[in-house]
Amino acid sequence: MPDGLESENCMGPKMRRIKRLLQTVVFSLFVCMVGFLTGCAGSPGMTVNEVDQQHHHAIHSTWLMFQEDIDAILMLDQPSRLTPMYTR
């Protein structure tokens, strides 16, 4: 038998699970690092400041839409019988 197969067969099921989990964690960290390191690679011809403004605008508008959705779910975007004014 080749040495690789013998060493793999010698591991118990618990060790194989731990090895598989460790491989998954290392791969996930690698994918995250690549994503962080290539953050601005998709915006050629733009300065760092322009990219930051674009990211801030996207996050801010997404946050406002999220707040509007929560207000609609909790029915805070409509006047109630207690007050004739909107809460926002």
N, C-alpha and C. Protein backbone atom coordinates (compact mmCIF):
# COMPACT_ATOMS: atom_id res chain seq x y z
N MET A 1 0.85 -1.19 0.00
CA MET A 1 0.00 0.00 0.00
C MET A 1 0.89 1.25 0.00
N PRO A 2 0.47 2.26 -0.73
CA PRO A 2 1.22 3.51 -0.66
C PRO A 2 1.09 4.15 0.72
N ASP A 3 2.10 4.93 1.08
CA ASP A 3 2.13 5.54 2.41
C ASP A 3 0.93 6.45 2.65
N GLY A 4 0.46 7.18 1.62
CA GLY A 4 -0.66 8.10 1.79
C GLY A 4 -1.94 7.38 2.20
N LEU A 5 -2.19 6.22 1.62
CA LEU A 5 -3.41 5.48 1.95
C LEU A 5 -3.34 4.90 3.36
N GLU A 6 -2.15 4.43 3.76
CA GLU A 6 -2.02 3.86 5.09
C GLU A 6 -2.27 4.92 6.17
N SER A 7 -1.70 6.09 5.96
CA SER A 7 -1.87 7.11 6.99
C SER A 7 -3.32 7.59 7.04
N GLU A 8 -4.01 7.60 5.89
CA GLU A 8 -5.41 8.03 5.89
C GLU A 8 -6.30 6.98 6.56
N ASN A 9 -5.99 5.71 6.36
CA ASN A 9 -6.79 4.65 6.96
C ASN A 9 -6.55 4.55 8.46
N CYS A 10 -5.39 5.02 8.94
CA CYS A 10 -5.08 4.94 10.36
C CYS A 10 -5.85 5.96 11.19
N MET A 11 -6.34 7.01 10.54
CA MET A 11 -7.08 8.03 11.29
C MET A 11 -8.47 7.50 11.60
N GLY A 12 -8.93 7.83 12.78
CA GLY A 12 -10.27 7.46 13.15
C GLY A 12 -11.28 8.43 12.56
N PRO A 13 -12.57 8.14 12.70
CA PRO A 13 -13.60 9.00 12.13
C PRO A 13 -13.61 10.40 12.74
N LYS A 14 -13.26 10.48 14.03
CA LYS A 14 -13.23 11.79 14.68
C LYS A 14 -12.10 12.65 14.13
N MET A 15 -10.94 12.04 13.90
CA MET A 15 -9.81 12.78 13.34
C MET A 15 -10.10 13.22 11.91
N ARG A 16 -10.79 12.37 11.14
CA ARG A 16 -11.15 12.75 9.77
C ARG A 16 -12.11 13.94 9.77
N ARG A 17 -13.05 13.97 10.70
CA ARG A 17 -13.98 15.10 10.81
C ARG A 17 -13.23 16.38 11.18
N ILE A 18 -12.29 16.26 12.12
CA ILE A 18 -11.51 17.42 12.53
C ILE A 18 -10.66 17.92 11.36
N LYS A 19 -10.06 16.99 10.63
CA LYS A 19 -9.23 17.37 9.48
C LYS A 19 -10.09 18.06 8.42
N ARG A 20 -11.26 17.53 8.16
CA ARG A 20 -12.17 18.12 7.17
C ARG A 20 -12.63 19.51 7.61
N LEU A 21 -12.92 19.67 8.89
CA LEU A 21 -13.33 20.97 9.42
C LEU A 21 -12.19 21.98 9.30
N LEU A 22 -10.99 21.55 9.62
CA LEU A 22 -9.83 22.43 9.50
C LEU A 22 -9.60 22.85 8.05
N GLN A 23 -9.74 21.92 7.12
CA GLN A 23 -9.59 22.25 5.71
C GLN A 23 -10.65 23.26 5.27
N THR A 24 -11.87 23.09 5.73
CA THR A 24 -12.96 24.00 5.38
C THR A 24 -12.70 25.39 5.94
N VAL A 25 -12.23 25.48 7.17
CA VAL A 25 -11.95 26.78 7.79
C VAL A 25 -10.82 27.48 7.05
N VAL A 26 -9.76 26.75 6.73
CA VAL A 26 -8.63 27.34 6.02
C VAL A 26 -9.07 27.83 4.64
N PHE A 27 -9.86 27.04 3.94
CA PHE A 27 -10.35 27.45 2.62
C PHE A 27 -11.24 28.68 2.73
N SER A 28 -12.11 28.73 3.73
CA SER A 28 -12.99 29.89 3.92
C SER A 28 -12.18 31.15 4.22
N LEU A 29 -11.18 31.03 5.07
CA LEU A 29 -10.32 32.18 5.37
C LEU A 29 -9.58 32.65 4.12
N PHE A 30 -9.13 31.72 3.31
CA PHE A 30 -8.45 32.07 2.07
C PHE A 30 -9.38 32.83 1.13
N VAL A 31 -10.61 32.37 0.99
CA VAL A 31 -11.57 33.05 0.13
C VAL A 31 -11.88 34.45 0.65
N CYS A 32 -12.03 34.59 1.96
CA CYS A 32 -12.27 35.92 2.55
C CYS A 32 -11.08 36.85 2.32
N MET A 33 -9.87 36.35 2.49
CA MET A 33 -8.68 37.18 2.28
C MET A 33 -8.59 37.65 0.83
N VAL A 34 -8.88 36.76 -0.11
CA VAL A 34 -8.85 37.15 -1.52
C VAL A 34 -9.92 38.21 -1.77
N GLY A 35 -11.08 38.06 -1.19
CA GLY A 35 -12.14 39.05 -1.36
C GLY A 35 -11.75 40.40 -0.79
N PHE A 36 -11.13 40.42 0.37
CA PHE A 36 -10.71 41.68 0.98
C PHE A 36 -9.57 42.34 0.20
N LEU A 37 -8.64 41.52 -0.27
CA LEU A 37 -7.49 42.08 -0.96
C LEU A 37 -7.82 42.61 -2.35
N THR A 38 -8.88 42.11 -2.96
CA THR A 38 -9.27 42.57 -4.29
C THR A 38 -10.49 43.49 -4.22
N GLY A 39 -10.66 44.16 -3.13
CA GLY A 39 -11.86 44.98 -2.92
C GLY A 39 -12.11 46.03 -3.97
N CYS A 40 -11.09 46.75 -4.44
CA CYS A 40 -11.28 47.83 -5.41
C CYS A 40 -10.81 47.42 -6.80
N ALA A 41 -10.57 46.17 -7.04
CA ALA A 41 -10.04 45.74 -8.33
C ALA A 41 -11.08 45.91 -9.45
N GLY A 42 -12.35 45.93 -9.11
CA GLY A 42 -13.39 46.02 -10.12
C GLY A 42 -13.77 47.44 -10.46
N SER A 43 -13.00 48.44 -10.07
CA SER A 43 -13.34 49.83 -10.35
C SER A 43 -12.15 50.56 -10.97
N PRO A 44 -11.81 50.23 -12.20
CA PRO A 44 -10.67 50.90 -12.83
C PRO A 44 -11.02 52.34 -13.18
N GLY A 45 -10.04 53.21 -13.11
CA GLY A 45 -10.24 54.60 -13.46
C GLY A 45 -10.87 55.44 -12.37
N MET A 46 -11.08 54.88 -11.20
CA MET A 46 -11.69 55.61 -10.09
C MET A 46 -10.65 55.76 -8.99
N THR A 47 -10.70 56.90 -8.32
CA THR A 47 -9.80 57.10 -7.19
C THR A 47 -10.34 56.37 -5.97
N VAL A 48 -9.52 56.23 -4.98
CA VAL A 48 -9.94 55.57 -3.74
C VAL A 48 -11.08 56.35 -3.09
N ASN A 49 -10.99 57.68 -3.16
CA ASN A 49 -12.02 58.52 -2.57
C ASN A 49 -13.37 58.31 -3.28
N GLU A 50 -13.36 58.20 -4.61
CA GLU A 50 -14.60 57.97 -5.35
C GLU A 50 -15.20 56.62 -5.01
N VAL A 51 -14.34 55.62 -4.86
CA VAL A 51 -14.83 54.28 -4.49
C VAL A 51 -15.43 54.32 -3.10
N ASP A 52 -14.77 55.02 -2.16
CA ASP A 52 -15.31 55.14 -0.80
C ASP A 52 -16.65 55.85 -0.80
N GLN A 53 -16.79 56.91 -1.60
CA GLN A 53 -18.07 57.62 -1.68
C GLN A 53 -19.15 56.72 -2.25
N GLN A 54 -18.80 55.94 -3.26
CA GLN A 54 -19.77 55.02 -3.86
C GLN A 54 -20.21 53.95 -2.84
N HIS A 55 -19.25 53.41 -2.10
CA HIS A 55 -19.58 52.41 -1.08
C HIS A 55 -20.45 53.03 0.01
N HIS A 56 -20.11 54.24 0.45
CA HIS A 56 -20.90 54.91 1.48
C HIS A 56 -22.32 55.16 0.99
N HIS A 57 -22.46 55.60 -0.25
CA HIS A 57 -23.79 55.85 -0.80
C HIS A 57 -24.61 54.56 -0.88
N ALA A 58 -23.97 53.47 -1.32
CA ALA A 58 -24.68 52.19 -1.42
C ALA A 58 -25.12 51.70 -0.05
N ILE A 59 -24.25 51.79 0.93
CA ILE A 59 -24.60 51.34 2.29
C ILE A 59 -25.68 52.22 2.89
N HIS A 60 -25.58 53.53 2.68
CA HIS A 60 -26.56 54.46 3.24
C HIS A 60 -27.94 54.24 2.61
N SER A 61 -28.00 54.09 1.30
CA SER A 61 -29.30 53.89 0.66
C SER A 61 -29.90 52.53 1.03
N THR A 62 -29.04 51.51 1.17
CA THR A 62 -29.53 50.20 1.60
C THR A 62 -30.08 50.28 3.02
N TRP A 63 -29.40 51.02 3.90
CA TRP A 63 -29.87 51.18 5.26
C TRP A 63 -31.22 51.90 5.31
N LEU A 64 -31.39 52.94 4.47
CA LEU A 64 -32.67 53.65 4.43
C LEU A 64 -33.79 52.75 3.94
N MET A 65 -33.52 51.93 2.93
CA MET A 65 -34.55 50.99 2.45
C MET A 65 -34.89 49.98 3.53
N PHE A 66 -33.89 49.53 4.26
CA PHE A 66 -34.12 48.59 5.36
C PHE A 66 -35.00 49.21 6.43
N GLN A 67 -34.73 50.48 6.79
CA GLN A 67 -35.54 51.17 7.78
C GLN A 67 -36.98 51.33 7.29
N GLU A 68 -37.16 51.64 6.02
CA GLU A 68 -38.51 51.78 5.47
C GLU A 68 -39.25 50.46 5.51
N ASP A 69 -38.56 49.35 5.24
CA ASP A 69 -39.19 48.04 5.31
C ASP A 69 -39.62 47.72 6.73
N ILE A 70 -38.76 48.01 7.70
CA ILE A 70 -39.11 47.75 9.10
C ILE A 70 -40.29 48.61 9.52
N ASP A 71 -40.29 49.88 9.10
CA ASP A 71 -41.42 50.76 9.42
C ASP A 71 -42.71 50.24 8.81
N ALA A 72 -42.64 49.72 7.60
CA ALA A 72 -43.84 49.17 6.96
C ALA A 72 -44.32 47.92 7.69
N ILE A 73 -43.39 47.08 8.13
CA ILE A 73 -43.78 45.86 8.86
C ILE A 73 -44.45 46.22 10.18
N LEU A 74 -43.88 47.19 10.89
CA LEU A 74 -44.43 47.59 12.19
C LEU A 74 -45.55 48.62 12.06
N MET A 75 -45.89 48.96 10.81
CA MET A 75 -46.96 49.92 10.48
C MET A 75 -46.69 51.28 11.12
N LEU A 76 -45.43 51.69 11.12
CA LEU A 76 -45.06 53.00 11.63
C LEU A 76 -45.06 54.05 10.52
N ASP A 77 -45.24 53.61 9.28
CA ASP A 77 -45.21 54.55 8.17
C ASP A 77 -46.58 55.14 7.86
N GLN A 78 -47.59 54.72 8.63
CA GLN A 78 -48.95 55.23 8.44
C GLN A 78 -49.41 55.91 9.71
N PRO A 79 -50.25 56.94 9.58
CA PRO A 79 -50.75 57.57 10.80
C PRO A 79 -51.71 56.62 11.54
N SER A 80 -51.68 56.69 12.83
CA SER A 80 -52.59 55.85 13.62
C SER A 80 -53.79 56.69 14.05
N ARG A 81 -54.66 56.08 14.81
CA ARG A 81 -55.82 56.81 15.32
C ARG A 81 -55.42 57.78 16.43
N LEU A 82 -54.23 57.64 16.96
CA LEU A 82 -53.81 58.48 18.07
C LEU A 82 -53.27 59.82 17.60
N THR A 83 -52.69 59.87 16.42
CA THR A 83 -52.11 61.12 15.94
C THR A 83 -52.33 61.27 14.45
N PRO A 84 -52.56 62.46 13.97
CA PRO A 84 -52.76 62.65 12.53
C PRO A 84 -51.44 62.79 11.77
N MET A 85 -50.30 62.77 12.47
CA MET A 85 -49.00 62.99 11.82
C MET A 85 -48.25 61.67 11.64
N TYR A 86 -47.39 61.66 10.65
CA TYR A 86 -46.50 60.53 10.45
C TYR A 86 -45.43 60.53 11.52
N THR A 87 -44.92 59.34 11.83
CA THR A 87 -43.87 59.27 12.84
C THR A 87 -42.52 59.63 12.25
N ARG A 88 -42.42 59.62 10.96
CA ARG A 88 -41.15 59.99 10.35
C ARG A 88 -41.41 60.96 9.24
